[in-house]
Amino acid sequence: MTTTTPPDTAYVNCPKCGESITVSIPERDTELRIRSTVAAFGDHTKVACSNDHPFWVYYC
């Protein structure tokens, strides 16, 4: 029997309206940085709050 563990998650706040969003993170002790613009490099994911504000979460 193979079991999988759910991805770790963290809460981040939208930089425009402050709404809290749940995002998956690669490792439990990962530092997150929130940006309202995309950078040229770095491990990241793009998310949007329910108000349709896009932003990027970088994993450090």
Protein backbone atom coordinates (compact mmCIF):
# COMPACT_ATOMS: atom_id res chain seq x y z
CA MET A 1 0.00 0.00 0.00
CA THR A 2 1.37 3.39 -1.00
CA THR A 3 0.46 6.42 1.01
CA THR A 4 1.06 10.00 0.11
CA THR A 5 1.35 12.91 2.45
CA PRO A 6 -0.52 16.10 1.67
CA PRO A 7 1.62 19.07 0.69
CA ASP A 8 2.50 21.51 3.43
CA THR A 9 0.47 24.69 3.38
CA ALA A 10 0.86 28.23 4.66
CA TYR A 11 -1.31 31.31 4.85
CA VAL A 12 -0.26 34.47 3.02
CA ASN A 13 -1.98 37.83 2.74
CA CYS A 14 -2.82 39.59 -0.51
CA PRO A 15 -0.59 42.70 -0.77
CA LYS A 16 -3.50 44.80 -2.13
CA CYS A 17 -6.48 43.93 0.09
CA GLY A 18 -4.98 41.80 2.90
CA GLU A 19 -7.19 38.76 2.26
CA SER A 20 -5.66 35.55 3.64
CA ILE A 21 -4.90 32.86 1.03
CA THR A 22 -3.77 29.26 1.59
CA VAL A 23 -0.83 28.17 -0.60
CA SER A 24 1.08 24.90 -0.90
CA ILE A 25 4.74 25.07 0.06
CA PRO A 26 7.53 22.61 -0.85
CA GLU A 27 8.84 22.15 2.72
CA ARG A 28 7.51 22.95 6.16
CA ASP A 29 10.28 25.42 7.19
CA THR A 30 10.28 27.38 3.93
CA GLU A 31 10.45 31.17 4.17
CA LEU A 32 7.88 32.89 1.96
CA ARG A 33 8.20 36.26 0.28
CA ILE A 34 5.23 38.00 -1.29
CA ARG A 35 5.64 40.19 -4.39
CA SER A 36 3.09 42.09 -6.43
CA THR A 37 5.28 41.70 -9.55
CA VAL A 38 7.05 38.69 -11.00
CA ALA A 39 10.85 38.40 -10.78
CA ALA A 40 13.08 37.02 -13.53
CA PHE A 41 14.12 33.98 -11.47
CA GLY A 42 13.40 32.04 -8.29
CA ASP A 43 11.10 29.22 -7.23
CA HIS A 44 7.62 30.71 -7.02
CA THR A 45 3.92 30.31 -7.65
CA LYS A 46 1.34 32.81 -8.88
CA VAL A 47 -1.87 33.12 -6.86
CA ALA A 48 -4.86 35.44 -6.73
CA CYS A 49 -7.24 36.35 -3.95
CA SER A 50 -11.02 36.20 -4.36
CA ASN A 51 -10.94 39.88 -5.39
CA ASP A 52 -8.86 38.85 -8.45
CA HIS A 53 -5.64 40.52 -7.26
CA PRO A 54 -2.72 38.48 -8.69
CA PHE A 55 0.54 38.18 -6.74
CA TRP A 56 3.56 35.87 -6.54
CA VAL A 57 4.76 33.80 -3.61
CA TYR A 58 8.51 33.05 -3.62
CA TYR A 59 10.07 30.16 -1.67
CA CYS A 60 13.37 30.98 0.03
